[in-house]
């Protein structure tokens, strides 16, 4: 909904690199600009 309204979205996480990548994969990289 946010992205359809033109909002930009990003994630800042403290997770380990491999865990962070896997968690983003659960959601979908296409949802984030960074």
ModelCIF file with pLDDT and N, C-alpha, C, O atoms, coordinates in Angstrom:
data_MODEL
#
_entry.id   MODEL 
#
_entity.id                         1 
_entity.type                       polymer 
_entity.pdbx_number_of_molecules   1 
#
_entity_poly.entity_id                      1 
_entity_poly.type                           'polypeptide(L)' 
_entity_poly.nstd_linkage                   no 
_entity_poly.nstd_monomer                   no 
_entity_poly.pdbx_seq_one_letter_code       
;(UNK)(UNK)(UNK)(UNK)(UNK)(UNK)(UNK)(UNK)(UNK)(UNK)(UNK)(UNK)(UNK)(UNK)(UNK)(UNK)
(UNK)(UNK)(UNK)(UNK)(UNK)(UNK)(UNK)(UNK)(UNK)(UNK)(UNK)(UNK)(UNK)(UNK)(UNK)(UNK)
(UNK)(UNK)
;
_entity_poly.pdbx_seq_one_letter_code_can   XXXXXXXXXXXXXXXXXXXXXXXXXXXXXXXXXX 
_entity_poly.pdbx_strand_id                 A 
#
loop_
_entity_poly_seq.entity_id 
_entity_poly_seq.num 
_entity_poly_seq.mon_id 
_entity_poly_seq.hetero 
1 1  UNK n 
1 2  UNK n 
1 3  UNK n 
1 4  UNK n 
1 5  UNK n 
1 6  UNK n 
1 7  UNK n 
1 8  UNK n 
1 9  UNK n 
1 10 UNK n 
1 11 UNK n 
1 12 UNK n 
1 13 UNK n 
1 14 UNK n 
1 15 UNK n 
1 16 UNK n 
1 17 UNK n 
1 18 UNK n 
1 19 UNK n 
1 20 UNK n 
1 21 UNK n 
1 22 UNK n 
1 23 UNK n 
1 24 UNK n 
1 25 UNK n 
1 26 UNK n 
1 27 UNK n 
1 28 UNK n 
1 29 UNK n 
1 30 UNK n 
1 31 UNK n 
1 32 UNK n 
1 33 UNK n 
1 34 UNK n 
#
_struct_asym.id          A 
_struct_asym.entity_id   1 
#
loop_
_ma_qa_metric.id 
_ma_qa_metric.mode 
_ma_qa_metric.name 
_ma_qa_metric.software_group_id 
_ma_qa_metric.type 
1 global pLDDT . pLDDT 
2 local  pLDDT . pLDDT 
#
_ma_qa_metric_global.metric_id      1 
_ma_qa_metric_global.metric_value   95.35 
_ma_qa_metric_global.model_id       1 
_ma_qa_metric_global.ordinal_id     1 
#
loop_
_ma_qa_metric_local.label_asym_id 
_ma_qa_metric_local.label_comp_id 
_ma_qa_metric_local.label_seq_id 
_ma_qa_metric_local.metric_id 
_ma_qa_metric_local.metric_value 
_ma_qa_metric_local.model_id 
_ma_qa_metric_local.ordinal_id 
A UNK 1  2 94.00 1 1  
A UNK 2  2 93.00 1 2  
A UNK 3  2 94.00 1 3  
A UNK 4  2 94.00 1 4  
A UNK 5  2 90.00 1 5  
A UNK 6  2 91.00 1 6  
A UNK 7  2 91.00 1 7  
A UNK 8  2 93.00 1 8  
A UNK 9  2 95.00 1 9  
A UNK 10 2 97.00 1 10 
A UNK 11 2 97.00 1 11 
A UNK 12 2 97.00 1 12 
A UNK 13 2 96.00 1 13 
A UNK 14 2 93.00 1 14 
A UNK 15 2 94.00 1 15 
A UNK 16 2 93.00 1 16 
A UNK 17 2 95.00 1 17 
A UNK 18 2 96.00 1 18 
A UNK 19 2 97.00 1 19 
A UNK 20 2 96.00 1 20 
A UNK 21 2 96.00 1 21 
A UNK 22 2 96.00 1 22 
A UNK 23 2 97.00 1 23 
A UNK 24 2 97.00 1 24 
A UNK 25 2 97.00 1 25 
A UNK 26 2 97.00 1 26 
A UNK 27 2 98.00 1 27 
A UNK 28 2 97.00 1 28 
A UNK 29 2 96.00 1 29 
A UNK 30 2 97.00 1 30 
A UNK 31 2 97.00 1 31 
A UNK 32 2 97.00 1 32 
A UNK 33 2 97.00 1 33 
A UNK 34 2 97.00 1 34 
#
loop_
_atom_site.group_PDB 
_atom_site.id 
_atom_site.type_symbol 
_atom_site.label_atom_id 
_atom_site.label_alt_id 
_atom_site.label_comp_id 
_atom_site.label_asym_id 
_atom_site.label_entity_id 
_atom_site.label_seq_id 
_atom_site.pdbx_PDB_ins_code 
_atom_site.Cartn_x 
_atom_site.Cartn_y 
_atom_site.Cartn_z 
_atom_site.occupancy 
_atom_site.B_iso_or_equiv 
_atom_site.pdbx_formal_charge 
_atom_site.auth_seq_id 
_atom_site.auth_comp_id 
_atom_site.auth_asym_id 
_atom_site.auth_atom_id 
_atom_site.pdbx_PDB_model_num 
ATOM 1   N N  . UNK A 1 1  ? 0.816  -1.207  0.000  1.00 94.00 ? 1  UNK A N  1 
ATOM 2   C CA . UNK A 1 1  ? 0.000  0.000   0.000  1.00 94.00 ? 1  UNK A CA 1 
ATOM 3   C C  . UNK A 1 1  ? 0.853  1.262   0.000  1.00 94.00 ? 1  UNK A C  1 
ATOM 4   O O  . UNK A 1 1  ? 0.580  2.206   -0.741 1.00 94.00 ? 1  UNK A O  1 
ATOM 5   N N  . UNK A 1 2  ? 1.896  1.270   0.843  1.00 93.00 ? 2  UNK A N  1 
ATOM 6   C CA . UNK A 1 2  ? 2.763  2.440   0.940  1.00 93.00 ? 2  UNK A CA 1 
ATOM 7   C C  . UNK A 1 2  ? 3.469  2.723   -0.388 1.00 93.00 ? 2  UNK A C  1 
ATOM 8   O O  . UNK A 1 2  ? 3.561  3.871   -0.823 1.00 93.00 ? 2  UNK A O  1 
ATOM 9   N N  . UNK A 1 3  ? 3.952  1.682   -1.007 1.00 94.00 ? 3  UNK A N  1 
ATOM 10  C CA . UNK A 1 3  ? 4.696  1.877   -2.249 1.00 94.00 ? 3  UNK A CA 1 
ATOM 11  C C  . UNK A 1 3  ? 3.776  2.308   -3.393 1.00 94.00 ? 3  UNK A C  1 
ATOM 12  O O  . UNK A 1 3  ? 4.190  3.062   -4.273 1.00 94.00 ? 3  UNK A O  1 
ATOM 13  N N  . UNK A 1 4  ? 2.558  1.842   -3.381 1.00 94.00 ? 4  UNK A N  1 
ATOM 14  C CA . UNK A 1 4  ? 1.603  2.282   -4.398 1.00 94.00 ? 4  UNK A CA 1 
ATOM 15  C C  . UNK A 1 4  ? 1.260  3.763   -4.223 1.00 94.00 ? 4  UNK A C  1 
ATOM 16  O O  . UNK A 1 4  ? 0.900  4.444   -5.183 1.00 94.00 ? 4  UNK A O  1 
ATOM 17  N N  . UNK A 1 5  ? 1.377  4.252   -2.986 1.00 90.00 ? 5  UNK A N  1 
ATOM 18  C CA . UNK A 1 5  ? 1.115  5.664   -2.707 1.00 90.00 ? 5  UNK A CA 1 
ATOM 19  C C  . UNK A 1 5  ? 2.339  6.540   -2.941 1.00 90.00 ? 5  UNK A C  1 
ATOM 20  O O  . UNK A 1 5  ? 2.276  7.759   -2.777 1.00 90.00 ? 5  UNK A O  1 
ATOM 21  N N  . UNK A 1 6  ? 3.454  5.920   -3.323 1.00 91.00 ? 6  UNK A N  1 
ATOM 22  C CA . UNK A 1 6  ? 4.648  6.682   -3.642 1.00 91.00 ? 6  UNK A CA 1 
ATOM 23  C C  . UNK A 1 6  ? 5.668  6.803   -2.533 1.00 91.00 ? 6  UNK A C  1 
ATOM 24  O O  . UNK A 1 6  ? 6.681  7.482   -2.700 1.00 91.00 ? 6  UNK A O  1 
ATOM 25  N N  . UNK A 1 7  ? 5.421  6.158   -1.400 1.00 91.00 ? 7  UNK A N  1 
ATOM 26  C CA . UNK A 1 7  ? 6.394  6.188   -0.318 1.00 91.00 ? 7  UNK A CA 1 
ATOM 27  C C  . UNK A 1 7  ? 7.591  5.303   -0.669 1.00 91.00 ? 7  UNK A C  1 
ATOM 28  O O  . UNK A 1 7  ? 7.450  4.262   -1.310 1.00 91.00 ? 7  UNK A O  1 
ATOM 29  N N  . UNK A 1 8  ? 8.776  5.748   -0.228 1.00 93.00 ? 8  UNK A N  1 
ATOM 30  C CA . UNK A 1 8  ? 9.968  4.938   -0.391 1.00 93.00 ? 8  UNK A CA 1 
ATOM 31  C C  . UNK A 1 8  ? 10.217 4.193   0.913  1.00 93.00 ? 8  UNK A C  1 
ATOM 32  O O  . UNK A 1 8  ? 10.021 4.747   1.995  1.00 93.00 ? 8  UNK A O  1 
ATOM 33  N N  . UNK A 1 9  ? 10.640 2.961   0.817  1.00 95.00 ? 9  UNK A N  1 
ATOM 34  C CA . UNK A 1 9  ? 10.801 2.135   2.008  1.00 95.00 ? 9  UNK A CA 1 
ATOM 35  C C  . UNK A 1 9  ? 12.196 1.512   2.028  1.00 95.00 ? 9  UNK A C  1 
ATOM 36  O O  . UNK A 1 9  ? 12.755 1.158   0.990  1.00 95.00 ? 9  UNK A O  1 
ATOM 37  N N  . UNK A 1 10 ? 12.738 1.390   3.237  1.00 97.00 ? 10 UNK A N  1 
ATOM 38  C CA . UNK A 1 10 ? 14.077 0.825   3.410  1.00 97.00 ? 10 UNK A CA 1 
ATOM 39  C C  . UNK A 1 10 ? 14.128 0.049   4.714  1.00 97.00 ? 10 UNK A C  1 
ATOM 40  O O  . UNK A 1 10 ? 13.269 0.202   5.582  1.00 97.00 ? 10 UNK A O  1 
ATOM 41  N N  . UNK A 1 11 ? 15.146 -0.784  4.835  1.00 97.00 ? 11 UNK A N  1 
ATOM 42  C CA . UNK A 1 11 ? 15.350 -1.583  6.043  1.00 97.00 ? 11 UNK A CA 1 
ATOM 43  C C  . UNK A 1 11 ? 16.731 -1.290  6.602  1.00 97.00 ? 11 UNK A C  1 
ATOM 44  O O  . UNK A 1 11 ? 17.719 -1.247  5.869  1.00 97.00 ? 11 UNK A O  1 
ATOM 45  N N  . UNK A 1 12 ? 16.784 -1.087  7.926  1.00 97.00 ? 12 UNK A N  1 
ATOM 46  C CA . UNK A 1 12 ? 18.050 -1.017  8.647  1.00 97.00 ? 12 UNK A CA 1 
ATOM 47  C C  . UNK A 1 12 ? 17.989 -2.091  9.724  1.00 97.00 ? 12 UNK A C  1 
ATOM 48  O O  . UNK A 1 12 ? 17.192 -1.992  10.657 1.00 97.00 ? 12 UNK A O  1 
ATOM 49  N N  . UNK A 1 13 ? 18.820 -3.109  9.599  1.00 96.00 ? 13 UNK A N  1 
ATOM 50  C CA . UNK A 1 13 ? 18.764 -4.240  10.522 1.00 96.00 ? 13 UNK A CA 1 
ATOM 51  C C  . UNK A 1 13 ? 20.127 -4.501  11.140 1.00 96.00 ? 13 UNK A C  1 
ATOM 52  O O  . UNK A 1 13 ? 21.162 -4.178  10.558 1.00 96.00 ? 13 UNK A O  1 
ATOM 53  N N  . UNK A 1 14 ? 20.111 -5.094  12.335 1.00 93.00 ? 14 UNK A N  1 
ATOM 54  C CA . UNK A 1 14 ? 21.352 -5.459  13.015 1.00 93.00 ? 14 UNK A CA 1 
ATOM 55  C C  . UNK A 1 14 ? 21.621 -6.960  12.914 1.00 93.00 ? 14 UNK A C  1 
ATOM 56  O O  . UNK A 1 14 ? 22.561 -7.466  13.528 1.00 93.00 ? 14 UNK A O  1 
ATOM 57  N N  . UNK A 1 15 ? 20.804 -7.665  12.147 1.00 94.00 ? 15 UNK A N  1 
ATOM 58  C CA . UNK A 1 15 ? 20.964 -9.116  12.009 1.00 94.00 ? 15 UNK A CA 1 
ATOM 59  C C  . UNK A 1 15 ? 22.266 -9.461  11.288 1.00 94.00 ? 15 UNK A C  1 
ATOM 60  O O  . UNK A 1 15 ? 22.841 -8.619  10.598 1.00 94.00 ? 15 UNK A O  1 
ATOM 61  N N  . UNK A 1 16 ? 22.721 -10.688 11.449 1.00 93.00 ? 16 UNK A N  1 
ATOM 62  C CA . UNK A 1 16 ? 23.857 -11.152 10.681 1.00 93.00 ? 16 UNK A CA 1 
ATOM 63  C C  . UNK A 1 16 ? 23.520 -11.063 9.193  1.00 93.00 ? 16 UNK A C  1 
ATOM 64  O O  . UNK A 1 16 ? 22.353 -11.143 8.809  1.00 93.00 ? 16 UNK A O  1 
ATOM 65  N N  . UNK A 1 17 ? 24.542 -10.900 8.366  1.00 95.00 ? 17 UNK A N  1 
ATOM 66  C CA . UNK A 1 17 ? 24.314 -10.689 6.936  1.00 95.00 ? 17 UNK A CA 1 
ATOM 67  C C  . UNK A 1 17 ? 23.454 -11.778 6.295  1.00 95.00 ? 17 UNK A C  1 
ATOM 68  O O  . UNK A 1 17 ? 22.514 -11.472 5.561  1.00 95.00 ? 17 UNK A O  1 
ATOM 69  N N  . UNK A 1 18 ? 23.768 -13.043 6.566  1.00 96.00 ? 18 UNK A N  1 
ATOM 70  C CA . UNK A 1 18 ? 23.019 -14.134 5.942  1.00 96.00 ? 18 UNK A CA 1 
ATOM 71  C C  . UNK A 1 18 ? 21.583 -14.188 6.444  1.00 96.00 ? 18 UNK A C  1 
ATOM 72  O O  . UNK A 1 18 ? 20.661 -14.474 5.680  1.00 96.00 ? 18 UNK A O  1 
ATOM 73  N N  . UNK A 1 19 ? 21.397 -13.913 7.735  1.00 97.00 ? 19 UNK A N  1 
ATOM 74  C CA . UNK A 1 19 ? 20.046 -13.904 8.297  1.00 97.00 ? 19 UNK A CA 1 
ATOM 75  C C  . UNK A 1 19 ? 19.252 -12.731 7.742  1.00 97.00 ? 19 UNK A C  1 
ATOM 76  O O  . UNK A 1 19 ? 18.078 -12.874 7.400  1.00 97.00 ? 19 UNK A O  1 
ATOM 77  N N  . UNK A 1 20 ? 19.893 -11.574 7.654  1.00 96.00 ? 20 UNK A N  1 
ATOM 78  C CA . UNK A 1 20 ? 19.222 -10.395 7.103  1.00 96.00 ? 20 UNK A CA 1 
ATOM 79  C C  . UNK A 1 20 ? 18.756 -10.656 5.670  1.00 96.00 ? 20 UNK A C  1 
ATOM 80  O O  . UNK A 1 20 ? 17.626 -10.330 5.307  1.00 96.00 ? 20 UNK A O  1 
ATOM 81  N N  . UNK A 1 21 ? 19.631 -11.239 4.870  1.00 96.00 ? 21 UNK A N  1 
ATOM 82  C CA . UNK A 1 21 ? 19.276 -11.528 3.473  1.00 96.00 ? 21 UNK A CA 1 
ATOM 83  C C  . UNK A 1 21 ? 18.113 -12.508 3.395  1.00 96.00 ? 21 UNK A C  1 
ATOM 84  O O  . UNK A 1 21 ? 17.210 -12.346 2.574  1.00 96.00 ? 21 UNK A O  1 
ATOM 85  N N  . UNK A 1 22 ? 18.140 -13.532 4.257  1.00 96.00 ? 22 UNK A N  1 
ATOM 86  C CA . UNK A 1 22 ? 17.064 -14.532 4.251  1.00 96.00 ? 22 UNK A CA 1 
ATOM 87  C C  . UNK A 1 22 ? 15.747 -13.917 4.706  1.00 96.00 ? 22 UNK A C  1 
ATOM 88  O O  . UNK A 1 22 ? 14.696 -14.230 4.146  1.00 96.00 ? 22 UNK A O  1 
ATOM 89  N N  . UNK A 1 23 ? 15.786 -13.047 5.714  1.00 97.00 ? 23 UNK A N  1 
ATOM 90  C CA . UNK A 1 23 ? 14.559 -12.414 6.198  1.00 97.00 ? 23 UNK A CA 1 
ATOM 91  C C  . UNK A 1 23 ? 13.955 -11.488 5.151  1.00 97.00 ? 23 UNK A C  1 
ATOM 92  O O  . UNK A 1 23 ? 12.737 -11.436 4.982  1.00 97.00 ? 23 UNK A O  1 
ATOM 93  N N  . UNK A 1 24 ? 14.817 -10.762 4.451  1.00 97.00 ? 24 UNK A N  1 
ATOM 94  C CA . UNK A 1 24 ? 14.313 -9.909  3.373  1.00 97.00 ? 24 UNK A CA 1 
ATOM 95  C C  . UNK A 1 24 ? 13.692 -10.777 2.280  1.00 97.00 ? 24 UNK A C  1 
ATOM 96  O O  . UNK A 1 24 ? 12.697 -10.399 1.661  1.00 97.00 ? 24 UNK A O  1 
ATOM 97  N N  . UNK A 1 25 ? 14.289 -11.937 2.054  1.00 97.00 ? 25 UNK A N  1 
ATOM 98  C CA . UNK A 1 25 ? 13.753 -12.854 1.061  1.00 97.00 ? 25 UNK A CA 1 
ATOM 99  C C  . UNK A 1 25 ? 12.362 -13.350 1.416  1.00 97.00 ? 25 UNK A C  1 
ATOM 100 O O  . UNK A 1 25 ? 11.554 -13.618 0.527  1.00 97.00 ? 25 UNK A O  1 
ATOM 101 N N  . UNK A 1 26 ? 12.075 -13.475 2.713  1.00 97.00 ? 26 UNK A N  1 
ATOM 102 C CA . UNK A 1 26 ? 10.744 -13.896 3.143  1.00 97.00 ? 26 UNK A CA 1 
ATOM 103 C C  . UNK A 1 26 ? 9.685  -12.863 2.776  1.00 97.00 ? 26 UNK A C  1 
ATOM 104 O O  . UNK A 1 26 ? 8.526  -13.198 2.534  1.00 97.00 ? 26 UNK A O  1 
ATOM 105 N N  . UNK A 1 27 ? 10.103 -11.616 2.740  1.00 98.00 ? 27 UNK A N  1 
ATOM 106 C CA . UNK A 1 27 ? 9.170  -10.518 2.431  1.00 98.00 ? 27 UNK A CA 1 
ATOM 107 C C  . UNK A 1 27 ? 9.160  -10.227 0.939  1.00 98.00 ? 27 UNK A C  1 
ATOM 108 O O  . UNK A 1 27 ? 8.102  -10.139 0.316  1.00 98.00 ? 27 UNK A O  1 
ATOM 109 N N  . UNK A 1 28 ? 10.363 -10.080 0.372  1.00 97.00 ? 28 UNK A N  1 
ATOM 110 C CA . UNK A 1 28 ? 10.493 -9.742  -1.044 1.00 97.00 ? 28 UNK A CA 1 
ATOM 111 C C  . UNK A 1 28 ? 11.350 -8.505  -1.225 1.00 97.00 ? 28 UNK A C  1 
ATOM 112 O O  . UNK A 1 28 ? 10.993 -7.435  -0.731 1.00 97.00 ? 28 UNK A O  1 
ATOM 113 N N  . UNK A 1 29 ? 12.464 -8.623  -1.915 1.00 96.00 ? 29 UNK A N  1 
ATOM 114 C CA . UNK A 1 29 ? 13.367 -7.491  -2.113 1.00 96.00 ? 29 UNK A CA 1 
ATOM 115 C C  . UNK A 1 29 ? 12.693 -6.340  -2.847 1.00 96.00 ? 29 UNK A C  1 
ATOM 116 O O  . UNK A 1 29 ? 13.082 -5.181  -2.707 1.00 96.00 ? 29 UNK A O  1 
ATOM 117 N N  . UNK A 1 30 ? 11.676 -6.680  -3.632 1.00 97.00 ? 30 UNK A N  1 
ATOM 118 C CA . UNK A 1 30 ? 11.010 -5.653  -4.432 1.00 97.00 ? 30 UNK A CA 1 
ATOM 119 C C  . UNK A 1 30 ? 10.288 -4.610  -3.592 1.00 97.00 ? 30 UNK A C  1 
ATOM 120 O O  . UNK A 1 30 ? 9.887  -3.567  -4.108 1.00 97.00 ? 30 UNK A O  1 
ATOM 121 N N  . UNK A 1 31 ? 10.120 -4.880  -2.313 1.00 97.00 ? 31 UNK A N  1 
ATOM 122 C CA . UNK A 1 31 ? 9.423  -3.936  -1.442 1.00 97.00 ? 31 UNK A CA 1 
ATOM 123 C C  . UNK A 1 31 ? 10.327 -2.827  -0.913 1.00 97.00 ? 31 UNK A C  1 
ATOM 124 O O  . UNK A 1 31 ? 9.849  -1.905  -0.253 1.00 97.00 ? 31 UNK A O  1 
ATOM 125 N N  . UNK A 1 32 ? 11.639 -2.905  -1.197 1.00 97.00 ? 32 UNK A N  1 
ATOM 126 C CA . UNK A 1 32 ? 12.563 -1.973  -0.555 1.00 97.00 ? 32 UNK A CA 1 
ATOM 127 C C  . UNK A 1 32 ? 13.472 -1.270  -1.553 1.00 97.00 ? 32 UNK A C  1 
ATOM 128 O O  . UNK A 1 32 ? 13.956 -1.862  -2.518 1.00 97.00 ? 32 UNK A O  1 
ATOM 129 N N  . UNK A 1 33 ? 13.685 0.014   -1.285 1.00 97.00 ? 33 UNK A N  1 
ATOM 130 C CA . UNK A 1 33 ? 14.615 0.800   -2.090 1.00 97.00 ? 33 UNK A CA 1 
ATOM 131 C C  . UNK A 1 33 ? 16.050 0.641   -1.592 1.00 97.00 ? 33 UNK A C  1 
ATOM 132 O O  . UNK A 1 33 ? 17.002 0.866   -2.339 1.00 97.00 ? 33 UNK A O  1 
ATOM 133 N N  . UNK A 1 34 ? 16.196 0.254   -0.337 1.00 97.00 ? 34 UNK A N  1 
ATOM 134 C CA . UNK A 1 34 ? 17.531 0.053   0.236  1.00 97.00 ? 34 UNK A CA 1 
ATOM 135 C C  . UNK A 1 34 ? 17.433 -0.900  1.415  1.00 97.00 ? 34 UNK A C  1 
ATOM 136 O O  . UNK A 1 34 ? 18.444 -1.208  2.045  1.00 97.00 ? 34 UNK A O  1 
#
